[in-house]
Amino acid sequence: MGMSLGFALLLTRGVDISDVPESLVLTVGSGRVGAIPILVIITAVVFVIGTLVLAFTRFGRYTYAIGSSPEACRRASIDVTAHLIKIYTVAGMLSGFAGYLSLARFATTTLSGHATDNLQVIAGVVIGGTSLFGGSGGMMGTLIGTLIPVVLLDGFVVLGVPPFWQQVVVGAVLIAAVYLDQLRRILRNRWAASLANIRQ
């Protein structure tokens, strides 16, 4: 991420991008289909496609399997490295697309303004039930989980909480989510071991 930020600074020379085409802002950024914003429609389409891919395609099955046990996948003749490259490629494309939508929505962008987005995204994904150790998670949980940091930050703005305290709280929520995820894994492993002993 540090390298990417460095390249972004080199490309923009540290200058905020403000000369956004007005047509982009009017159509994508603030356009509507009836009463529904186009950005909401795009989000819904990406959500549905992601859900279908994870649930009903080999790509989705391999993704969950590699997250659970890369070594077992290698023994099953799955090219783990190639699949991970595909995953990171898709993640990079979606990140770039999100940046494009953000640019269309706000008609400008600043590198420093998105410096902590990764922390909020990780917090939201973990809160939504995706394990940092892989093998579990889903689109619906991620959608719900990512809304929580946003609601928290909006609430802090309304309450007049200083910005630096906002990031402290988001970080604390992330730590708590990781701890609960680890605790859940430990309890699940103990439960599985207990069942195995009972069957023996």
N, C-alpha and C. Protein backbone atom coordinates (compact mmCIF):
# COMPACT_ATOMS: atom_id res chain seq x y z
N MET A 1 0.83 -1.20 0.00
CA MET A 1 0.00 0.00 0.00
C MET A 1 0.86 1.25 0.00
N GLY A 2 2.00 1.16 0.71
CA GLY A 2 2.90 2.30 0.73
C GLY A 2 3.47 2.60 -0.64
N MET A 3 3.82 1.53 -1.38
CA MET A 3 4.32 1.71 -2.74
C MET A 3 3.26 2.34 -3.64
N SER A 4 2.03 1.86 -3.51
CA SER A 4 0.94 2.40 -4.33
C SER A 4 0.72 3.88 -4.04
N LEU A 5 0.76 4.23 -2.76
CA LEU A 5 0.60 5.64 -2.40
C LEU A 5 1.74 6.48 -2.95
N GLY A 6 2.95 5.92 -2.91
CA GLY A 6 4.10 6.63 -3.46
C GLY A 6 3.97 6.87 -4.96
N PHE A 7 3.53 5.83 -5.69
CA PHE A 7 3.32 5.98 -7.13
C PHE A 7 2.23 7.01 -7.43
N ALA A 8 1.18 7.00 -6.60
CA ALA A 8 0.10 7.97 -6.80
C ALA A 8 0.61 9.39 -6.61
N LEU A 9 1.47 9.57 -5.63
CA LEU A 9 2.06 10.90 -5.40
C LEU A 9 2.94 11.32 -6.58
N LEU A 10 3.67 10.34 -7.14
CA LEU A 10 4.51 10.65 -8.30
C LEU A 10 3.66 11.04 -9.51
N LEU A 11 2.58 10.30 -9.73
CA LEU A 11 1.73 10.57 -10.89
C LEU A 11 1.03 11.92 -10.78
N THR A 12 0.58 12.25 -9.59
CA THR A 12 -0.16 13.51 -9.40
C THR A 12 0.73 14.65 -8.95
N ARG A 13 2.00 14.33 -8.62
CA ARG A 13 2.95 15.32 -8.09
C ARG A 13 2.41 15.98 -6.82
N GLY A 14 1.61 15.23 -6.10
CA GLY A 14 1.07 15.72 -4.83
C GLY A 14 -0.03 16.74 -4.97
N VAL A 15 -0.51 16.94 -6.20
CA VAL A 15 -1.55 17.95 -6.44
C VAL A 15 -2.91 17.26 -6.50
N ASP A 16 -3.90 17.83 -5.82
CA ASP A 16 -5.25 17.27 -5.85
C ASP A 16 -5.84 17.37 -7.25
N ILE A 17 -6.58 16.35 -7.65
CA ILE A 17 -7.23 16.33 -8.96
C ILE A 17 -8.58 17.04 -8.85
N SER A 18 -8.75 18.08 -9.66
CA SER A 18 -9.99 18.85 -9.59
C SER A 18 -10.66 19.06 -10.95
N ASP A 19 -9.91 18.82 -12.04
CA ASP A 19 -10.49 19.06 -13.37
C ASP A 19 -11.25 17.82 -13.85
N VAL A 20 -12.30 17.48 -13.13
CA VAL A 20 -13.12 16.32 -13.45
C VAL A 20 -14.17 16.73 -14.49
N PRO A 21 -14.35 15.94 -15.55
CA PRO A 21 -15.37 16.29 -16.55
C PRO A 21 -16.75 16.46 -15.93
N GLU A 22 -17.41 17.53 -16.30
CA GLU A 22 -18.73 17.82 -15.73
C GLU A 22 -19.74 16.74 -16.09
N SER A 23 -19.58 16.16 -17.28
CA SER A 23 -20.51 15.11 -17.71
C SER A 23 -20.43 13.90 -16.79
N LEU A 24 -19.22 13.58 -16.31
CA LEU A 24 -19.05 12.46 -15.39
C LEU A 24 -19.75 12.72 -14.07
N VAL A 25 -19.60 13.92 -13.57
CA VAL A 25 -20.22 14.29 -12.29
C VAL A 25 -21.74 14.27 -12.40
N LEU A 26 -22.26 14.80 -13.51
CA LEU A 26 -23.72 14.91 -13.67
C LEU A 26 -24.39 13.57 -13.94
N THR A 27 -23.69 12.69 -14.67
CA THR A 27 -24.31 11.41 -15.02
C THR A 27 -24.08 10.35 -13.94
N VAL A 28 -22.83 10.10 -13.61
CA VAL A 28 -22.50 9.04 -12.65
C VAL A 28 -22.56 9.55 -11.21
N GLY A 29 -21.95 10.69 -10.97
CA GLY A 29 -21.83 11.19 -9.61
C GLY A 29 -23.14 11.59 -8.97
N SER A 30 -23.97 12.30 -9.70
CA SER A 30 -25.23 12.78 -9.13
C SER A 30 -26.45 12.39 -9.95
N GLY A 31 -26.25 11.55 -10.96
CA GLY A 31 -27.37 11.13 -11.80
C GLY A 31 -28.30 10.16 -11.08
N ARG A 32 -29.51 10.06 -11.57
CA ARG A 32 -30.53 9.19 -10.98
C ARG A 32 -31.31 8.46 -12.07
N VAL A 33 -31.78 7.30 -11.71
CA VAL A 33 -32.75 6.58 -12.53
C VAL A 33 -34.05 6.56 -11.73
N GLY A 34 -34.95 7.46 -12.08
CA GLY A 34 -36.11 7.67 -11.24
C GLY A 34 -35.68 8.37 -9.96
N ALA A 35 -35.97 7.73 -8.84
CA ALA A 35 -35.57 8.30 -7.55
C ALA A 35 -34.32 7.64 -6.99
N ILE A 36 -33.75 6.69 -7.74
CA ILE A 36 -32.61 5.92 -7.24
C ILE A 36 -31.32 6.48 -7.83
N PRO A 37 -30.36 6.87 -6.99
CA PRO A 37 -29.07 7.36 -7.50
C PRO A 37 -28.34 6.28 -8.29
N ILE A 38 -27.65 6.68 -9.33
CA ILE A 38 -26.91 5.74 -10.16
C ILE A 38 -25.84 5.02 -9.35
N LEU A 39 -25.22 5.72 -8.40
CA LEU A 39 -24.20 5.09 -7.56
C LEU A 39 -24.78 3.93 -6.76
N VAL A 40 -26.01 4.07 -6.30
CA VAL A 40 -26.66 2.98 -5.57
C VAL A 40 -26.91 1.79 -6.50
N ILE A 41 -27.32 2.07 -7.72
CA ILE A 41 -27.57 1.01 -8.70
C ILE A 41 -26.27 0.26 -9.01
N ILE A 42 -25.19 1.01 -9.22
CA ILE A 42 -23.90 0.39 -9.49
C ILE A 42 -23.47 -0.49 -8.32
N THR A 43 -23.64 0.03 -7.10
CA THR A 43 -23.29 -0.75 -5.91
C THR A 43 -24.10 -2.04 -5.84
N ALA A 44 -25.39 -1.95 -6.14
CA ALA A 44 -26.25 -3.14 -6.10
C ALA A 44 -25.82 -4.17 -7.14
N VAL A 45 -25.46 -3.70 -8.33
CA VAL A 45 -25.02 -4.61 -9.39
C VAL A 45 -23.74 -5.33 -8.98
N VAL A 46 -22.76 -4.58 -8.46
CA VAL A 46 -21.51 -5.19 -8.01
C VAL A 46 -21.77 -6.18 -6.88
N PHE A 47 -22.68 -5.83 -5.98
CA PHE A 47 -23.02 -6.71 -4.86
C PHE A 47 -23.61 -8.02 -5.35
N VAL A 48 -24.54 -7.95 -6.28
CA VAL A 48 -25.19 -9.16 -6.80
C VAL A 48 -24.18 -10.03 -7.55
N ILE A 49 -23.36 -9.40 -8.39
CA ILE A 49 -22.36 -10.16 -9.13
C ILE A 49 -21.39 -10.85 -8.17
N GLY A 50 -20.92 -10.12 -7.16
CA GLY A 50 -20.01 -10.70 -6.18
C GLY A 50 -20.62 -11.86 -5.44
N THR A 51 -21.89 -11.72 -5.06
CA THR A 51 -22.59 -12.80 -4.35
C THR A 51 -22.70 -14.04 -5.22
N LEU A 52 -23.07 -13.87 -6.48
CA LEU A 52 -23.22 -15.00 -7.40
C LEU A 52 -21.88 -15.67 -7.68
N VAL A 53 -20.85 -14.88 -7.86
CA VAL A 53 -19.52 -15.44 -8.15
C VAL A 53 -19.02 -16.27 -6.98
N LEU A 54 -19.16 -15.75 -5.77
CA LEU A 54 -18.68 -16.48 -4.60
C LEU A 54 -19.50 -17.73 -4.33
N ALA A 55 -20.78 -17.70 -4.62
CA ALA A 55 -21.66 -18.81 -4.26
C ALA A 55 -21.76 -19.90 -5.32
N PHE A 56 -21.62 -19.52 -6.61
CA PHE A 56 -21.97 -20.49 -7.65
C PHE A 56 -20.89 -20.74 -8.69
N THR A 57 -19.69 -20.22 -8.50
CA THR A 57 -18.64 -20.44 -9.49
C THR A 57 -17.44 -21.14 -8.87
N ARG A 58 -16.63 -21.73 -9.75
CA ARG A 58 -15.41 -22.39 -9.28
C ARG A 58 -14.46 -21.38 -8.65
N PHE A 59 -14.46 -20.17 -9.19
CA PHE A 59 -13.61 -19.12 -8.62
C PHE A 59 -13.97 -18.88 -7.16
N GLY A 60 -15.26 -18.81 -6.86
CA GLY A 60 -15.69 -18.60 -5.48
C GLY A 60 -15.34 -19.78 -4.59
N ARG A 61 -15.57 -21.00 -5.09
CA ARG A 61 -15.25 -22.19 -4.29
C ARG A 61 -13.76 -22.27 -4.00
N TYR A 62 -12.95 -22.00 -5.01
CA TYR A 62 -11.50 -22.02 -4.81
C TYR A 62 -11.06 -20.95 -3.81
N THR A 63 -11.71 -19.79 -3.86
CA THR A 63 -11.36 -18.70 -2.95
C THR A 63 -11.58 -19.10 -1.50
N TYR A 64 -12.74 -19.67 -1.21
CA TYR A 64 -13.02 -20.13 0.15
C TYR A 64 -12.08 -21.27 0.55
N ALA A 65 -11.85 -22.19 -0.38
CA ALA A 65 -11.01 -23.34 -0.07
C ALA A 65 -9.57 -22.93 0.22
N ILE A 66 -9.03 -22.03 -0.58
CA ILE A 66 -7.66 -21.56 -0.35
C ILE A 66 -7.57 -20.80 0.95
N GLY A 67 -8.60 -20.04 1.28
CA GLY A 67 -8.61 -19.34 2.56
C GLY A 67 -8.62 -20.29 3.73
N SER A 68 -9.29 -21.43 3.58
CA SER A 68 -9.36 -22.40 4.67
C SER A 68 -8.06 -23.17 4.82
N SER A 69 -7.50 -23.63 3.69
CA SER A 69 -6.28 -24.44 3.76
C SER A 69 -5.56 -24.43 2.42
N PRO A 70 -4.60 -23.54 2.24
CA PRO A 70 -3.85 -23.49 0.98
C PRO A 70 -3.12 -24.80 0.69
N GLU A 71 -2.58 -25.43 1.73
CA GLU A 71 -1.83 -26.67 1.53
C GLU A 71 -2.74 -27.78 1.01
N ALA A 72 -3.95 -27.88 1.57
CA ALA A 72 -4.89 -28.89 1.10
C ALA A 72 -5.26 -28.64 -0.36
N CYS A 73 -5.38 -27.38 -0.74
CA CYS A 73 -5.69 -27.05 -2.13
C CYS A 73 -4.56 -27.44 -3.06
N ARG A 74 -3.33 -27.25 -2.63
CA ARG A 74 -2.18 -27.66 -3.45
C ARG A 74 -2.19 -29.17 -3.65
N ARG A 75 -2.53 -29.90 -2.60
CA ARG A 75 -2.60 -31.36 -2.72
C ARG A 75 -3.73 -31.79 -3.63
N ALA A 76 -4.74 -30.95 -3.76
CA ALA A 76 -5.86 -31.24 -4.66
C ALA A 76 -5.61 -30.70 -6.07
N SER A 77 -4.36 -30.35 -6.35
CA SER A 77 -3.93 -29.89 -7.68
C SER A 77 -4.53 -28.55 -8.08
N ILE A 78 -4.84 -27.71 -7.09
CA ILE A 78 -5.30 -26.34 -7.37
C ILE A 78 -4.09 -25.42 -7.39
N ASP A 79 -3.97 -24.62 -8.43
CA ASP A 79 -2.85 -23.68 -8.54
C ASP A 79 -3.14 -22.48 -7.63
N VAL A 80 -2.65 -22.57 -6.40
CA VAL A 80 -2.95 -21.55 -5.39
C VAL A 80 -2.38 -20.20 -5.78
N THR A 81 -1.15 -20.19 -6.25
CA THR A 81 -0.49 -18.92 -6.61
C THR A 81 -1.25 -18.20 -7.72
N ALA A 82 -1.63 -18.93 -8.75
CA ALA A 82 -2.36 -18.32 -9.87
C ALA A 82 -3.71 -17.78 -9.40
N HIS A 83 -4.37 -18.52 -8.52
CA HIS A 83 -5.67 -18.05 -8.05
C HIS A 83 -5.53 -16.81 -7.17
N LEU A 84 -4.48 -16.77 -6.35
CA LEU A 84 -4.25 -15.58 -5.53
C LEU A 84 -3.99 -14.36 -6.39
N ILE A 85 -3.26 -14.56 -7.49
CA ILE A 85 -3.02 -13.45 -8.42
C ILE A 85 -4.34 -12.95 -9.00
N LYS A 86 -5.24 -13.87 -9.33
CA LYS A 86 -6.56 -13.47 -9.83
C LYS A 86 -7.33 -12.67 -8.78
N ILE A 87 -7.27 -13.14 -7.53
CA ILE A 87 -7.99 -12.46 -6.45
C ILE A 87 -7.47 -11.04 -6.28
N TYR A 88 -6.14 -10.89 -6.23
CA TYR A 88 -5.56 -9.56 -6.05
C TYR A 88 -5.83 -8.67 -7.26
N THR A 89 -5.89 -9.26 -8.45
CA THR A 89 -6.20 -8.49 -9.65
C THR A 89 -7.63 -7.95 -9.58
N VAL A 90 -8.57 -8.81 -9.19
CA VAL A 90 -9.96 -8.38 -9.05
C VAL A 90 -10.08 -7.31 -7.97
N ALA A 91 -9.38 -7.51 -6.85
CA ALA A 91 -9.42 -6.53 -5.76
C ALA A 91 -8.87 -5.18 -6.23
N GLY A 92 -7.79 -5.21 -7.00
CA GLY A 92 -7.22 -3.97 -7.51
C GLY A 92 -8.16 -3.26 -8.48
N MET A 93 -8.81 -4.04 -9.34
CA MET A 93 -9.76 -3.46 -10.29
C MET A 93 -10.94 -2.82 -9.57
N LEU A 94 -11.46 -3.51 -8.55
CA LEU A 94 -12.59 -2.96 -7.81
C LEU A 94 -12.18 -1.72 -7.01
N SER A 95 -10.96 -1.72 -6.49
CA SER A 95 -10.48 -0.53 -5.78
C SER A 95 -10.37 0.66 -6.72
N GLY A 96 -9.83 0.41 -7.91
CA GLY A 96 -9.75 1.48 -8.90
C GLY A 96 -11.12 1.98 -9.32
N PHE A 97 -12.06 1.05 -9.47
CA PHE A 97 -13.43 1.43 -9.84
C PHE A 97 -14.07 2.26 -8.74
N ALA A 98 -13.81 1.88 -7.48
CA ALA A 98 -14.34 2.65 -6.34
C ALA A 98 -13.75 4.06 -6.34
N GLY A 99 -12.47 4.18 -6.66
CA GLY A 99 -11.85 5.50 -6.75
C GLY A 99 -12.47 6.34 -7.85
N TYR A 100 -12.78 5.69 -8.97
CA TYR A 100 -13.44 6.38 -10.09
C TYR A 100 -14.82 6.90 -9.67
N LEU A 101 -15.58 6.07 -8.95
CA LEU A 101 -16.90 6.49 -8.48
C LEU A 101 -16.80 7.62 -7.46
N SER A 102 -15.79 7.54 -6.60
CA SER A 102 -15.59 8.61 -5.62
C SER A 102 -15.26 9.93 -6.31
N LEU A 103 -14.44 9.84 -7.35
CA LEU A 103 -14.09 11.04 -8.12
C LEU A 103 -15.33 11.62 -8.79
N ALA A 104 -16.19 10.75 -9.32
CA ALA A 104 -17.41 11.22 -9.96
C ALA A 104 -18.37 11.84 -8.94
N ARG A 105 -18.39 11.30 -7.75
CA ARG A 105 -19.33 11.78 -6.73
C ARG A 105 -18.92 13.14 -6.19
N PHE A 106 -17.64 13.32 -5.89
CA PHE A 106 -17.19 14.54 -5.22
C PHE A 106 -16.52 15.54 -6.15
N ALA A 107 -16.33 15.16 -7.42
CA ALA A 107 -15.75 16.05 -8.44
C ALA A 107 -14.33 16.48 -8.11
N THR A 108 -13.70 15.82 -7.17
CA THR A 108 -12.30 16.09 -6.83
C THR A 108 -11.80 14.93 -5.98
N THR A 109 -10.52 14.86 -5.80
CA THR A 109 -9.97 13.84 -4.92
C THR A 109 -8.66 14.33 -4.33
N THR A 110 -8.34 13.79 -3.17
CA THR A 110 -7.10 14.12 -2.50
C THR A 110 -6.53 12.85 -1.89
N LEU A 111 -5.24 12.66 -2.03
CA LEU A 111 -4.62 11.44 -1.51
C LEU A 111 -4.74 11.35 0.00
N SER A 112 -4.52 12.46 0.67
CA SER A 112 -4.58 12.44 2.13
C SER A 112 -6.00 12.19 2.63
N GLY A 113 -6.99 12.56 1.83
CA GLY A 113 -8.37 12.38 2.26
C GLY A 113 -8.82 10.94 2.32
N HIS A 114 -8.07 10.05 1.65
CA HIS A 114 -8.43 8.62 1.64
C HIS A 114 -7.35 7.76 2.30
N ALA A 115 -6.50 8.39 3.07
CA ALA A 115 -5.37 7.66 3.67
C ALA A 115 -5.82 6.59 4.66
N THR A 116 -6.97 6.78 5.29
CA THR A 116 -7.43 5.83 6.30
C THR A 116 -8.60 4.96 5.82
N ASP A 117 -8.90 5.03 4.53
CA ASP A 117 -10.01 4.23 4.01
C ASP A 117 -9.75 2.74 4.20
N ASN A 118 -8.47 2.33 4.04
CA ASN A 118 -8.17 0.90 4.17
C ASN A 118 -8.50 0.39 5.57
N LEU A 119 -8.25 1.20 6.60
CA LEU A 119 -8.56 0.80 7.96
C LEU A 119 -10.06 0.61 8.14
N GLN A 120 -10.84 1.53 7.60
CA GLN A 120 -12.30 1.42 7.71
C GLN A 120 -12.83 0.21 6.95
N VAL A 121 -12.26 -0.07 5.80
CA VAL A 121 -12.70 -1.22 5.01
C VAL A 121 -12.39 -2.52 5.73
N ILE A 122 -11.16 -2.64 6.24
CA ILE A 122 -10.79 -3.86 6.96
C ILE A 122 -11.68 -4.05 8.18
N ALA A 123 -11.93 -2.97 8.91
CA ALA A 123 -12.80 -3.05 10.08
C ALA A 123 -14.19 -3.52 9.68
N GLY A 124 -14.73 -2.94 8.62
CA GLY A 124 -16.07 -3.31 8.18
C GLY A 124 -16.16 -4.76 7.73
N VAL A 125 -15.15 -5.22 7.00
CA VAL A 125 -15.17 -6.60 6.50
C VAL A 125 -15.08 -7.60 7.65
N VAL A 126 -14.20 -7.32 8.62
CA VAL A 126 -14.06 -8.23 9.76
C VAL A 126 -15.32 -8.21 10.61
N ILE A 127 -15.88 -7.03 10.84
CA ILE A 127 -17.14 -6.93 11.60
C ILE A 127 -18.24 -7.72 10.89
N GLY A 128 -18.21 -7.74 9.57
CA GLY A 128 -19.22 -8.45 8.80
C GLY A 128 -19.07 -9.95 8.80
N GLY A 129 -18.05 -10.47 9.49
CA GLY A 129 -17.92 -11.92 9.62
C GLY A 129 -16.84 -12.56 8.79
N THR A 130 -16.11 -11.79 8.00
CA THR A 130 -15.01 -12.36 7.23
C THR A 130 -13.80 -12.54 8.13
N SER A 131 -13.26 -13.75 8.14
CA SER A 131 -12.12 -14.04 8.99
C SER A 131 -10.83 -13.54 8.35
N LEU A 132 -9.96 -12.93 9.14
CA LEU A 132 -8.65 -12.51 8.63
C LEU A 132 -7.78 -13.72 8.32
N PHE A 133 -8.16 -14.88 8.82
CA PHE A 133 -7.41 -16.10 8.58
C PHE A 133 -7.96 -16.89 7.40
N GLY A 134 -9.01 -16.36 6.77
CA GLY A 134 -9.54 -16.95 5.55
C GLY A 134 -10.58 -18.03 5.79
N GLY A 135 -11.27 -18.36 4.69
CA GLY A 135 -12.18 -19.49 4.72
C GLY A 135 -13.62 -19.17 5.06
N SER A 136 -13.92 -17.98 5.50
CA SER A 136 -15.30 -17.64 5.86
C SER A 136 -15.58 -16.19 5.52
N GLY A 137 -16.86 -15.90 5.32
CA GLY A 137 -17.26 -14.54 4.98
C GLY A 137 -18.24 -14.55 3.82
N GLY A 138 -18.88 -13.42 3.61
CA GLY A 138 -19.85 -13.32 2.53
C GLY A 138 -20.17 -11.88 2.22
N MET A 139 -20.84 -11.66 1.10
CA MET A 139 -21.13 -10.31 0.65
C MET A 139 -22.12 -9.60 1.56
N MET A 140 -23.15 -10.29 2.03
CA MET A 140 -24.16 -9.65 2.87
C MET A 140 -23.55 -9.18 4.19
N GLY A 141 -22.75 -10.05 4.81
CA GLY A 141 -22.09 -9.65 6.05
C GLY A 141 -21.16 -8.48 5.84
N THR A 142 -20.45 -8.49 4.70
CA THR A 142 -19.54 -7.39 4.39
C THR A 142 -20.31 -6.09 4.20
N LEU A 143 -21.44 -6.15 3.51
CA LEU A 143 -22.25 -4.96 3.30
C LEU A 143 -22.70 -4.36 4.63
N ILE A 144 -23.20 -5.21 5.51
CA ILE A 144 -23.65 -4.74 6.83
C ILE A 144 -22.47 -4.24 7.65
N GLY A 145 -21.37 -4.99 7.61
CA GLY A 145 -20.20 -4.61 8.41
C GLY A 145 -19.59 -3.29 8.00
N THR A 146 -19.55 -3.01 6.69
CA THR A 146 -18.95 -1.76 6.23
C THR A 146 -19.81 -0.55 6.56
N LEU A 147 -21.10 -0.77 6.79
CA LEU A 147 -21.96 0.34 7.16
C LEU A 147 -21.71 0.81 8.59
N ILE A 148 -21.22 -0.09 9.45
CA ILE A 148 -21.05 0.25 10.86
C ILE A 148 -20.00 1.34 11.06
N PRO A 149 -18.76 1.23 10.50
CA PRO A 149 -17.81 2.33 10.66
C PRO A 149 -18.32 3.65 10.08
N VAL A 150 -19.06 3.57 8.96
CA VAL A 150 -19.61 4.79 8.35
C VAL A 150 -20.60 5.45 9.29
N VAL A 151 -21.48 4.65 9.88
CA VAL A 151 -22.47 5.19 10.82
C VAL A 151 -21.77 5.77 12.04
N LEU A 152 -20.74 5.08 12.52
CA LEU A 152 -19.99 5.58 13.67
C LEU A 152 -19.36 6.95 13.37
N LEU A 153 -18.69 7.04 12.21
CA LEU A 153 -18.02 8.29 11.86
C LEU A 153 -19.02 9.42 11.66
N ASP A 154 -20.14 9.12 11.02
CA ASP A 154 -21.17 10.16 10.84
C ASP A 154 -21.72 10.61 12.18
N GLY A 155 -21.90 9.66 13.09
CA GLY A 155 -22.38 10.01 14.43
C GLY A 155 -21.38 10.88 15.18
N PHE A 156 -20.09 10.58 15.01
CA PHE A 156 -19.06 11.39 15.66
C PHE A 156 -19.06 12.82 15.12
N VAL A 157 -19.28 12.95 13.81
CA VAL A 157 -19.33 14.28 13.20
C VAL A 157 -20.49 15.08 13.80
N VAL A 158 -21.64 14.44 13.93
CA VAL A 158 -22.81 15.11 14.49
C VAL A 158 -22.55 15.51 15.94
N LEU A 159 -21.86 14.64 16.68
CA LEU A 159 -21.59 14.91 18.09
C LEU A 159 -20.42 15.87 18.29
N GLY A 160 -19.70 16.18 17.21
CA GLY A 160 -18.57 17.10 17.32
C GLY A 160 -17.32 16.47 17.88
N VAL A 161 -17.18 15.14 17.72
CA VAL A 161 -15.98 14.45 18.20
C VAL A 161 -14.81 14.81 17.28
N PRO A 162 -13.64 15.16 17.84
CA PRO A 162 -12.48 15.51 17.01
C PRO A 162 -12.09 14.38 16.06
N PRO A 163 -11.60 14.70 14.87
CA PRO A 163 -11.29 13.68 13.86
C PRO A 163 -10.31 12.62 14.34
N PHE A 164 -9.28 13.01 15.11
CA PHE A 164 -8.30 12.01 15.53
C PHE A 164 -8.91 10.98 16.47
N TRP A 165 -9.90 11.38 17.25
CA TRP A 165 -10.59 10.42 18.11
C TRP A 165 -11.46 9.48 17.29
N GLN A 166 -11.94 9.95 16.16
CA GLN A 166 -12.75 9.09 15.29
C GLN A 166 -11.93 7.90 14.82
N GLN A 167 -10.69 8.15 14.41
CA GLN A 167 -9.84 7.06 13.94
C GLN A 167 -9.45 6.13 15.08
N VAL A 168 -9.28 6.69 16.28
CA VAL A 168 -8.97 5.85 17.44
C VAL A 168 -10.10 4.85 17.68
N VAL A 169 -11.32 5.32 17.60
CA VAL A 169 -12.48 4.44 17.84
C VAL A 169 -12.59 3.39 16.75
N VAL A 170 -12.40 3.78 15.49
CA VAL A 170 -12.46 2.81 14.39
C VAL A 170 -11.38 1.75 14.57
N GLY A 171 -10.19 2.18 14.97
CA GLY A 171 -9.12 1.22 15.24
C GLY A 171 -9.47 0.29 16.38
N ALA A 172 -10.08 0.83 17.43
CA ALA A 172 -10.49 0.00 18.57
C ALA A 172 -11.55 -1.02 18.16
N VAL A 173 -12.47 -0.60 17.31
CA VAL A 173 -13.49 -1.52 16.81
C VAL A 173 -12.85 -2.64 16.00
N LEU A 174 -11.84 -2.30 15.19
CA LEU A 174 -11.14 -3.30 14.40
C LEU A 174 -10.43 -4.30 15.31
N ILE A 175 -9.75 -3.80 16.34
CA ILE A 175 -9.06 -4.69 17.27
C ILE A 175 -10.05 -5.63 17.95
N ALA A 176 -11.18 -5.09 18.37
CA ALA A 176 -12.20 -5.91 19.02
C ALA A 176 -12.74 -6.97 18.06
N ALA A 177 -12.94 -6.59 16.80
CA ALA A 177 -13.45 -7.54 15.81
C ALA A 177 -12.45 -8.66 15.56
N VAL A 178 -11.16 -8.31 15.47
CA VAL A 178 -10.13 -9.33 15.26
C VAL A 178 -10.05 -10.26 16.46
N TYR A 179 -10.15 -9.70 17.66
CA TYR A 179 -10.13 -10.52 18.87
C TYR A 179 -11.30 -11.50 18.89
N LEU A 180 -12.49 -11.02 18.57
CA LEU A 180 -13.66 -11.88 18.56
C LEU A 180 -13.54 -12.95 17.48
N ASP A 181 -12.95 -12.59 16.34
CA ASP A 181 -12.74 -13.56 15.27
C ASP A 181 -11.79 -14.66 15.73
N GLN A 182 -10.71 -14.26 16.39
CA GLN A 182 -9.76 -15.26 16.89
C GLN A 182 -10.41 -16.13 17.95
N LEU A 183 -11.19 -15.53 18.84
CA LEU A 183 -11.88 -16.29 19.89
C LEU A 183 -12.85 -17.29 19.27
N ARG A 184 -13.55 -16.86 18.24
CA ARG A 184 -14.49 -17.75 17.56
C ARG A 184 -13.78 -18.94 16.94
N ARG A 185 -12.61 -18.70 16.35
CA ARG A 185 -11.83 -19.79 15.76
C ARG A 185 -11.38 -20.78 16.82
N ILE A 186 -10.92 -20.25 17.95
CA ILE A 186 -10.45 -21.13 19.03
C ILE A 186 -11.59 -22.00 19.55
N LEU A 187 -12.74 -21.38 19.78
CA LEU A 187 -13.90 -22.13 20.29
C LEU A 187 -14.37 -23.16 19.28
N ARG A 188 -14.35 -22.79 18.00
CA ARG A 188 -14.77 -23.73 16.97
C ARG A 188 -13.84 -24.92 16.89
N ASN A 189 -12.52 -24.67 17.00
CA ASN A 189 -11.55 -25.77 16.96
C ASN A 189 -11.70 -26.68 18.17
N ARG A 190 -11.94 -26.08 19.33
CA ARG A 190 -12.14 -26.89 20.54
C ARG A 190 -13.40 -27.73 20.41
N TRP A 191 -14.45 -27.14 19.86
CA TRP A 191 -15.70 -27.88 19.68
C TRP A 191 -15.51 -29.05 18.72
N ALA A 192 -14.76 -28.79 17.63
CA ALA A 192 -14.49 -29.86 16.67
C ALA A 192 -13.66 -30.97 17.30
N ALA A 193 -12.67 -30.58 18.12
CA ALA A 193 -11.84 -31.58 18.79
C ALA A 193 -12.66 -32.39 19.79
N SER A 194 -13.56 -31.74 20.48
CA SER A 194 -14.42 -32.45 21.44
C SER A 194 -15.32 -33.45 20.74
N LEU A 195 -15.89 -33.06 19.61
CA LEU A 195 -16.74 -33.98 18.85
C LEU A 195 -15.94 -35.17 18.34
N ALA A 196 -14.70 -34.90 17.90
CA ALA A 196 -13.85 -35.99 17.42
C ALA A 196 -13.54 -36.98 18.54
N ASN A 197 -13.28 -36.47 19.74
CA ASN A 197 -12.99 -37.35 20.87
C ASN A 197 -14.21 -38.17 21.26
N ILE A 198 -15.39 -37.55 21.20
CA ILE A 198 -16.62 -38.27 21.55
C ILE A 198 -16.88 -39.41 20.56
N ARG A 199 -16.64 -39.15 19.28
CA ARG A 199 -16.88 -40.18 18.27
C ARG A 199 -15.91 -41.35 18.41
N GLN A 200 -14.70 -41.03 18.91
CA GLN A 200 -13.73 -42.10 19.11
C GLN A 200 -14.11 -42.98 20.30
